[in-house]
Amino acid sequence: MRRSLILILAIVTLFGRPAWGIESDKAAHLGVSHLITTGTYGLCKAMGIEDRGFSVFMAIGLASLVAVSKELSDPKFDSRDLLYDGIGIGTGTLFIYTFEF
């Protein structure tokens, strides 16, 4: 658990500092994807779904679906938006497994 917490802090420090030039749009993609991932997992748990693997699968699937759908509907496709969505999904999944809520 200690390693996972250190990894989360390193990722947040690396990608969360506006002084390093992350655009607010990219930070929003990361944050929203993280929230969708953890929120979907929490909703699955609240609904009584005990299978952790299924709940994580649903969380990653929904966040990925939202990210790709949003990017495909944009007039200008930006692969970096999807990159930051993926990082947000990854940090959300890491958060789920680190704190085991």
N, C-alpha and C. Protein backbone atom coordinates (compact mmCIF):
# COMPACT_ATOMS: atom_id res chain seq x y z
N MET A 1 0.83 -1.18 0.00
CA MET A 1 0.00 0.00 0.00
C MET A 1 0.87 1.25 0.00
N ARG A 2 1.98 1.19 0.69
CA ARG A 2 2.86 2.35 0.76
C ARG A 2 3.39 2.71 -0.63
N ARG A 3 3.77 1.68 -1.41
CA ARG A 3 4.27 1.93 -2.76
C ARG A 3 3.20 2.57 -3.64
N SER A 4 1.96 2.09 -3.51
CA SER A 4 0.88 2.64 -4.32
C SER A 4 0.62 4.09 -3.97
N LEU A 5 0.66 4.41 -2.69
CA LEU A 5 0.45 5.79 -2.26
C LEU A 5 1.56 6.69 -2.79
N ILE A 6 2.79 6.22 -2.75
CA ILE A 6 3.90 6.99 -3.28
C ILE A 6 3.73 7.20 -4.78
N LEU A 7 3.27 6.16 -5.49
CA LEU A 7 3.05 6.27 -6.93
C LEU A 7 1.96 7.29 -7.24
N ILE A 8 0.87 7.27 -6.49
CA ILE A 8 -0.21 8.24 -6.69
C ILE A 8 0.31 9.65 -6.47
N LEU A 9 1.05 9.86 -5.39
CA LEU A 9 1.59 11.19 -5.11
C LEU A 9 2.56 11.64 -6.19
N ALA A 10 3.35 10.71 -6.72
CA ALA A 10 4.28 11.06 -7.80
C ALA A 10 3.53 11.47 -9.06
N ILE A 11 2.48 10.75 -9.39
CA ILE A 11 1.69 11.07 -10.59
C ILE A 11 1.00 12.41 -10.43
N VAL A 12 0.41 12.64 -9.27
CA VAL A 12 -0.27 13.91 -9.01
C VAL A 12 0.72 15.07 -9.07
N THR A 13 1.89 14.86 -8.49
CA THR A 13 2.91 15.90 -8.51
C THR A 13 3.39 16.15 -9.93
N LEU A 14 3.59 15.10 -10.68
CA LEU A 14 4.09 15.24 -12.04
C LEU A 14 3.08 15.90 -12.96
N PHE A 15 1.83 15.47 -12.88
CA PHE A 15 0.82 15.95 -13.82
C PHE A 15 -0.07 17.04 -13.24
N GLY A 16 0.03 17.32 -11.97
CA GLY A 16 -0.89 18.27 -11.35
C GLY A 16 -0.34 19.66 -11.15
N ARG A 17 0.86 19.92 -11.66
CA ARG A 17 1.47 21.23 -11.45
C ARG A 17 1.27 22.12 -12.67
N PRO A 18 0.47 23.18 -12.55
CA PRO A 18 0.26 24.06 -13.70
C PRO A 18 1.54 24.75 -14.15
N ALA A 19 2.52 24.88 -13.27
CA ALA A 19 3.77 25.53 -13.65
C ALA A 19 4.52 24.71 -14.70
N TRP A 20 4.20 23.45 -14.83
CA TRP A 20 4.88 22.61 -15.80
C TRP A 20 4.17 22.61 -17.15
N GLY A 21 3.16 23.43 -17.29
CA GLY A 21 2.55 23.64 -18.58
C GLY A 21 1.41 22.72 -18.95
N ILE A 22 0.72 22.14 -17.99
CA ILE A 22 -0.45 21.34 -18.33
C ILE A 22 -1.62 22.30 -18.55
N GLU A 23 -2.23 22.16 -19.69
CA GLU A 23 -3.37 23.00 -20.00
C GLU A 23 -4.55 22.63 -19.10
N SER A 24 -5.40 23.58 -18.83
CA SER A 24 -6.54 23.30 -17.95
C SER A 24 -7.47 22.26 -18.57
N ASP A 25 -7.54 22.21 -19.90
CA ASP A 25 -8.37 21.21 -20.57
C ASP A 25 -7.85 19.80 -20.28
N LYS A 26 -6.54 19.62 -20.32
CA LYS A 26 -5.95 18.30 -20.06
C LYS A 26 -6.15 17.91 -18.59
N ALA A 27 -5.98 18.86 -17.69
CA ALA A 27 -6.21 18.58 -16.27
C ALA A 27 -7.67 18.20 -16.03
N ALA A 28 -8.57 18.84 -16.75
CA ALA A 28 -9.99 18.51 -16.62
C ALA A 28 -10.26 17.09 -17.11
N HIS A 29 -9.64 16.71 -18.22
CA HIS A 29 -9.80 15.34 -18.73
C HIS A 29 -9.32 14.33 -17.69
N LEU A 30 -8.15 14.58 -17.12
CA LEU A 30 -7.60 13.68 -16.11
C LEU A 30 -8.52 13.59 -14.89
N GLY A 31 -8.93 14.74 -14.38
CA GLY A 31 -9.77 14.76 -13.17
C GLY A 31 -11.13 14.14 -13.36
N VAL A 32 -11.78 14.46 -14.47
CA VAL A 32 -13.12 13.92 -14.71
C VAL A 32 -13.06 12.41 -14.92
N SER A 33 -12.07 11.93 -15.64
CA SER A 33 -11.94 10.49 -15.84
C SER A 33 -11.66 9.77 -14.53
N HIS A 34 -10.84 10.38 -13.69
CA HIS A 34 -10.58 9.82 -12.36
C HIS A 34 -11.88 9.75 -11.56
N LEU A 35 -12.64 10.82 -11.57
CA LEU A 35 -13.91 10.85 -10.82
C LEU A 35 -14.93 9.86 -11.36
N ILE A 36 -15.03 9.72 -12.67
CA ILE A 36 -15.97 8.76 -13.25
C ILE A 36 -15.58 7.34 -12.84
N THR A 37 -14.27 7.05 -12.88
CA THR A 37 -13.80 5.72 -12.51
C THR A 37 -14.12 5.40 -11.06
N THR A 38 -13.71 6.28 -10.15
CA THR A 38 -13.94 6.00 -8.73
C THR A 38 -15.42 6.09 -8.37
N GLY A 39 -16.14 7.01 -9.02
CA GLY A 39 -17.56 7.14 -8.75
C GLY A 39 -18.36 5.93 -9.20
N THR A 40 -18.04 5.39 -10.36
CA THR A 40 -18.73 4.20 -10.86
C THR A 40 -18.45 3.01 -9.96
N TYR A 41 -17.20 2.89 -9.53
CA TYR A 41 -16.86 1.79 -8.61
C TYR A 41 -17.65 1.94 -7.30
N GLY A 42 -17.69 3.15 -6.77
CA GLY A 42 -18.46 3.39 -5.54
C GLY A 42 -19.94 3.10 -5.72
N LEU A 43 -20.47 3.44 -6.88
CA LEU A 43 -21.88 3.17 -7.16
C LEU A 43 -22.14 1.67 -7.22
N CYS A 44 -21.22 0.93 -7.84
CA CYS A 44 -21.36 -0.53 -7.89
C CYS A 44 -21.36 -1.11 -6.48
N LYS A 45 -20.47 -0.61 -5.64
CA LYS A 45 -20.41 -1.09 -4.25
C LYS A 45 -21.70 -0.73 -3.51
N ALA A 46 -22.21 0.47 -3.74
CA ALA A 46 -23.44 0.90 -3.06
C ALA A 46 -24.65 0.08 -3.52
N MET A 47 -24.60 -0.41 -4.74
CA MET A 47 -25.69 -1.24 -5.26
C MET A 47 -25.60 -2.68 -4.77
N GLY A 48 -24.55 -2.99 -4.02
CA GLY A 48 -24.41 -4.32 -3.45
C GLY A 48 -23.65 -5.30 -4.31
N ILE A 49 -22.97 -4.83 -5.33
CA ILE A 49 -22.17 -5.72 -6.17
C ILE A 49 -20.88 -6.03 -5.42
N GLU A 50 -20.74 -7.27 -5.00
CA GLU A 50 -19.60 -7.66 -4.17
C GLU A 50 -18.37 -8.07 -4.97
N ASP A 51 -18.56 -8.41 -6.23
CA ASP A 51 -17.44 -8.84 -7.07
C ASP A 51 -16.58 -7.63 -7.43
N ARG A 52 -15.43 -7.54 -6.80
CA ARG A 52 -14.56 -6.38 -6.99
C ARG A 52 -14.07 -6.26 -8.44
N GLY A 53 -13.70 -7.37 -9.03
CA GLY A 53 -13.22 -7.35 -10.41
C GLY A 53 -14.27 -6.82 -11.37
N PHE A 54 -15.52 -7.23 -11.19
CA PHE A 54 -16.61 -6.76 -12.04
C PHE A 54 -16.82 -5.27 -11.86
N SER A 55 -16.77 -4.81 -10.59
CA SER A 55 -16.97 -3.38 -10.31
C SER A 55 -15.87 -2.54 -10.95
N VAL A 56 -14.63 -3.00 -10.86
CA VAL A 56 -13.52 -2.27 -11.49
C VAL A 56 -13.67 -2.30 -13.00
N PHE A 57 -14.06 -3.44 -13.56
CA PHE A 57 -14.29 -3.56 -15.00
C PHE A 57 -15.35 -2.57 -15.46
N MET A 58 -16.45 -2.47 -14.72
CA MET A 58 -17.52 -1.53 -15.06
C MET A 58 -17.03 -0.09 -14.97
N ALA A 59 -16.23 0.20 -13.94
CA ALA A 59 -15.72 1.56 -13.75
C ALA A 59 -14.80 1.97 -14.90
N ILE A 60 -13.88 1.10 -15.25
CA ILE A 60 -12.95 1.39 -16.35
C ILE A 60 -13.71 1.47 -17.68
N GLY A 61 -14.64 0.56 -17.87
CA GLY A 61 -15.42 0.55 -19.11
C GLY A 61 -16.24 1.80 -19.31
N LEU A 62 -16.94 2.24 -18.26
CA LEU A 62 -17.77 3.44 -18.39
C LEU A 62 -16.91 4.68 -18.61
N ALA A 63 -15.83 4.81 -17.85
CA ALA A 63 -14.95 5.97 -18.02
C ALA A 63 -14.34 6.00 -19.42
N SER A 64 -13.96 4.84 -19.94
CA SER A 64 -13.40 4.77 -21.29
C SER A 64 -14.45 5.11 -22.34
N LEU A 65 -15.65 4.62 -22.15
CA LEU A 65 -16.74 4.91 -23.07
C LEU A 65 -17.04 6.41 -23.12
N VAL A 66 -17.11 7.03 -21.97
CA VAL A 66 -17.36 8.47 -21.91
C VAL A 66 -16.23 9.23 -22.59
N ALA A 67 -14.98 8.85 -22.31
CA ALA A 67 -13.83 9.55 -22.88
C ALA A 67 -13.80 9.46 -24.40
N VAL A 68 -13.97 8.26 -24.92
CA VAL A 68 -13.93 8.08 -26.38
C VAL A 68 -15.12 8.75 -27.04
N SER A 69 -16.30 8.62 -26.46
CA SER A 69 -17.50 9.25 -27.03
C SER A 69 -17.36 10.77 -27.09
N LYS A 70 -16.84 11.33 -26.01
CA LYS A 70 -16.66 12.78 -25.97
C LYS A 70 -15.65 13.23 -27.02
N GLU A 71 -14.58 12.49 -27.15
CA GLU A 71 -13.53 12.88 -28.10
C GLU A 71 -14.01 12.71 -29.54
N LEU A 72 -14.78 11.68 -29.82
CA LEU A 72 -15.30 11.49 -31.17
C LEU A 72 -16.35 12.54 -31.55
N SER A 73 -17.01 13.10 -30.54
CA SER A 73 -18.02 14.13 -30.83
C SER A 73 -17.41 15.52 -30.97
N ASP A 74 -16.15 15.69 -30.55
CA ASP A 74 -15.48 16.98 -30.71
C ASP A 74 -15.21 17.26 -32.19
N PRO A 75 -15.33 18.52 -32.59
CA PRO A 75 -15.01 18.85 -33.98
C PRO A 75 -13.54 18.60 -34.33
N LYS A 76 -12.67 18.78 -33.34
CA LYS A 76 -11.24 18.58 -33.58
C LYS A 76 -10.74 17.47 -32.66
N PHE A 77 -10.33 16.35 -33.25
CA PHE A 77 -9.83 15.22 -32.47
C PHE A 77 -8.46 15.56 -31.90
N ASP A 78 -8.28 15.30 -30.60
CA ASP A 78 -7.00 15.55 -29.94
C ASP A 78 -6.61 14.28 -29.16
N SER A 79 -5.60 13.60 -29.65
CA SER A 79 -5.19 12.35 -29.00
C SER A 79 -4.64 12.59 -27.60
N ARG A 80 -4.14 13.78 -27.34
CA ARG A 80 -3.63 14.08 -26.00
C ARG A 80 -4.77 14.12 -24.97
N ASP A 81 -5.97 14.50 -25.41
CA ASP A 81 -7.12 14.44 -24.50
C ASP A 81 -7.35 13.00 -24.06
N LEU A 82 -7.27 12.07 -25.02
CA LEU A 82 -7.44 10.65 -24.67
C LEU A 82 -6.31 10.15 -23.78
N LEU A 83 -5.11 10.67 -23.99
CA LEU A 83 -3.98 10.30 -23.13
C LEU A 83 -4.27 10.69 -21.69
N TYR A 84 -4.72 11.92 -21.48
CA TYR A 84 -5.01 12.37 -20.13
C TYR A 84 -6.25 11.67 -19.55
N ASP A 85 -7.20 11.30 -20.40
CA ASP A 85 -8.31 10.48 -19.93
C ASP A 85 -7.78 9.14 -19.42
N GLY A 86 -6.88 8.54 -20.18
CA GLY A 86 -6.29 7.26 -19.77
C GLY A 86 -5.51 7.37 -18.47
N ILE A 87 -4.78 8.47 -18.30
CA ILE A 87 -4.05 8.67 -17.05
C ILE A 87 -5.04 8.82 -15.89
N GLY A 88 -6.13 9.53 -16.12
CA GLY A 88 -7.15 9.68 -15.07
C GLY A 88 -7.81 8.36 -14.71
N ILE A 89 -8.07 7.54 -15.71
CA ILE A 89 -8.64 6.21 -15.45
C ILE A 89 -7.64 5.36 -14.69
N GLY A 90 -6.38 5.46 -15.07
CA GLY A 90 -5.33 4.71 -14.37
C GLY A 90 -5.17 5.13 -12.92
N THR A 91 -5.17 6.44 -12.67
CA THR A 91 -5.05 6.90 -11.29
C THR A 91 -6.29 6.55 -10.47
N GLY A 92 -7.46 6.57 -11.13
CA GLY A 92 -8.68 6.15 -10.43
C GLY A 92 -8.64 4.69 -10.04
N THR A 93 -8.17 3.85 -10.95
CA THR A 93 -8.05 2.42 -10.66
C THR A 93 -7.02 2.18 -9.57
N LEU A 94 -5.91 2.89 -9.64
CA LEU A 94 -4.88 2.77 -8.61
C LEU A 94 -5.43 3.21 -7.26
N PHE A 95 -6.23 4.25 -7.26
CA PHE A 95 -6.86 4.74 -6.04
C PHE A 95 -7.78 3.67 -5.45
N ILE A 96 -8.56 3.02 -6.30
CA ILE A 96 -9.49 1.97 -5.86
C ILE A 96 -8.71 0.83 -5.18
N TYR A 97 -7.65 0.39 -5.83
CA TYR A 97 -6.89 -0.74 -5.29
C TYR A 97 -6.04 -0.34 -4.09
N THR A 98 -5.62 0.91 -4.02
CA THR A 98 -4.79 1.35 -2.90
C THR A 98 -5.60 1.49 -1.62
N PHE A 99 -6.75 2.11 -1.72
CA PHE A 99 -7.53 2.41 -0.52
C PHE A 99 -8.64 1.40 -0.25
N GLU A 100 -8.85 0.45 -1.14
CA GLU A 100 -9.76 -0.67 -0.94
C GLU A 100 -11.10 -0.28 -0.31
N PHE A 101 -11.73 0.72 -0.89
CA PHE A 101 -13.03 1.12 -0.33
C PHE A 101 -14.15 0.33 -0.95
